[in-house]
């Protein structure tokens, strides 16, 4: 069972969310980061666009163009003004739980490296 090491409760959005350590895996390479798990959210798993170049370089992968651009809603329910055009595909490990081929949309997600959807 994941144990939160930092509870975020500044707004309603964060009351059911917490940060954990996660590992992105591709071809026997690993990249560690902090991830927000949101128990109420997220249809999509999202990675911050500022982190993508570093992840892609370390894991020797390339972003993939989406067939159709996407818009997402923020925690305040407002639709983002920026469209999402790319994603990356990786394996994800959280503690002893492994999820194969996770699609991560690339977007500006404020203060977090990754926001995990219900996987």
Protein backbone atom coordinates (compact mmCIF):
# COMPACT_ATOMS: atom_id res chain seq x y z
CA UNK A 1 0.00 0.00 0.00
CA UNK A 2 1.33 3.44 -0.91
CA UNK A 3 1.98 5.70 2.08
CA UNK A 4 1.71 9.44 1.44
CA UNK A 5 4.74 11.33 2.63
CA UNK A 6 3.21 14.71 2.01
CA UNK A 7 -0.48 15.53 2.16
CA UNK A 8 -1.63 18.51 0.15
CA UNK A 9 -4.79 20.14 1.48
CA UNK A 10 -4.65 23.80 0.46
CA UNK A 11 -7.70 23.39 -1.79
CA UNK A 12 -10.46 20.81 -2.17
CA UNK A 13 -8.61 19.36 -5.15
CA UNK A 14 -5.69 18.37 -2.99
CA UNK A 15 -7.66 16.77 -0.16
CA UNK A 16 -7.68 13.39 -1.90
CA UNK A 17 -4.22 13.70 -3.40
CA UNK A 18 -0.69 12.95 -2.30
CA UNK A 19 2.86 12.79 -3.63
CA UNK A 20 4.79 9.56 -4.09
CA UNK A 21 8.02 8.41 -5.67
CA UNK A 22 7.56 6.81 -9.07
CA UNK A 23 9.90 5.24 -11.63
CA UNK A 24 9.54 5.45 -15.40
CA UNK A 25 11.06 2.46 -17.18
CA UNK A 26 12.00 1.89 -20.81
CA UNK A 27 14.40 -0.71 -22.25
CA UNK A 28 16.02 -1.47 -18.87
CA UNK A 29 16.60 2.23 -18.18
CA UNK A 30 14.92 3.99 -15.25
CA UNK A 31 14.02 7.59 -14.39
CA UNK A 32 12.86 8.48 -10.86
CA UNK A 33 10.53 11.37 -10.06
CA UNK A 34 7.80 12.65 -7.74
CA UNK A 35 4.24 12.07 -8.83
CA UNK A 36 0.92 13.44 -7.67
CA UNK A 37 -1.71 10.75 -7.25
CA UNK A 38 -5.19 12.16 -7.47
CA UNK A 39 -7.95 9.88 -6.26
CA UNK A 40 -10.70 12.07 -7.73
CA UNK A 41 -9.18 12.97 -11.03
CA UNK A 42 -7.72 12.53 -13.98
CA UNK A 43 -8.77 10.65 -16.92
CA UNK A 44 -5.26 11.19 -18.23
CA UNK A 45 -1.78 10.68 -16.83
CA UNK A 46 0.16 13.86 -17.54
CA UNK A 47 3.88 14.66 -17.47
CA UNK A 48 5.21 18.21 -17.25
CA UNK A 49 6.54 19.48 -20.57
CA UNK A 50 9.69 20.87 -18.87
CA UNK A 51 10.65 17.35 -17.78
CA UNK A 52 9.99 15.50 -21.05
CA UNK A 53 13.29 16.28 -22.79
CA UNK A 54 15.27 14.97 -19.82
CA UNK A 55 13.12 11.81 -19.55
CA UNK A 56 13.32 11.15 -23.30
CA UNK A 57 17.09 11.65 -23.35
CA UNK A 58 17.69 9.40 -20.30
CA UNK A 59 15.33 6.63 -21.46
CA UNK A 60 16.20 6.88 -25.17
CA UNK A 61 12.59 7.42 -26.29
CA UNK A 62 10.79 9.98 -28.46
CA UNK A 63 7.50 11.83 -27.93
CA UNK A 64 4.63 10.59 -30.11
CA UNK A 65 2.25 12.93 -31.93
CA UNK A 66 -1.41 12.49 -31.00
CA UNK A 67 -3.82 11.70 -33.82
CA UNK A 68 -6.11 14.42 -32.44
CA UNK A 69 -5.23 17.35 -30.16
CA UNK A 70 -6.67 17.24 -26.64
CA UNK A 71 -7.83 19.85 -24.16
CA UNK A 72 -7.84 19.09 -20.44
CA UNK A 73 -9.58 20.57 -17.42
CA UNK A 74 -7.56 21.85 -14.50
CA UNK A 75 -8.33 21.20 -10.85
CA UNK A 76 -10.43 24.39 -10.94
CA UNK A 77 -12.57 22.80 -13.72
CA UNK A 78 -11.39 25.39 -16.28
CA UNK A 79 -10.45 24.05 -19.68
CA UNK A 80 -6.80 24.62 -20.53
CA UNK A 81 -6.12 27.18 -23.24
CA UNK A 82 -3.18 25.15 -24.52
CA UNK A 83 -3.81 22.04 -26.57
CA UNK A 84 -1.93 18.83 -25.96
CA UNK A 85 -0.30 17.46 -29.09
CA UNK A 86 2.16 14.79 -27.86
CA UNK A 87 2.55 11.91 -25.43
CA UNK A 88 5.19 9.43 -24.31
CA UNK A 89 4.72 5.71 -23.63
CA UNK A 90 6.53 4.14 -20.68
CA UNK A 91 6.30 1.45 -18.06
CA UNK A 92 5.60 2.80 -14.58
CA UNK A 93 6.60 1.40 -11.18
CA UNK A 94 5.17 2.65 -7.89
CA UNK A 95 6.56 0.70 -4.96
CA UNK A 96 6.02 -2.92 -6.02
CA UNK A 97 3.23 -2.15 -8.49
CA UNK A 98 4.12 -2.16 -12.19
CA UNK A 99 1.91 -0.81 -14.96
CA UNK A 100 3.00 -1.60 -18.51
CA UNK A 101 2.74 0.88 -21.37
CA UNK A 102 1.36 3.95 -19.64
CA UNK A 103 0.43 6.78 -21.99
CA UNK A 104 1.52 10.16 -20.55
CA UNK A 105 0.24 13.33 -22.15
CA UNK A 106 2.76 16.18 -22.26
CA UNK A 107 1.44 19.44 -20.75
CA UNK A 108 2.19 22.32 -18.39
CA UNK A 109 0.92 21.02 -15.04
CA UNK A 110 2.12 23.77 -12.74
CA UNK A 111 4.02 22.47 -9.72
CA UNK A 112 4.11 18.72 -10.35
CA UNK A 113 6.34 16.49 -12.47
CA UNK A 114 3.60 13.93 -13.13
CA UNK A 115 -0.09 13.63 -12.30
CA UNK A 116 -1.23 10.02 -12.30
CA UNK A 117 -4.74 9.07 -13.31
CA UNK A 118 -6.52 6.05 -11.91
CA UNK A 119 -4.44 3.35 -13.57
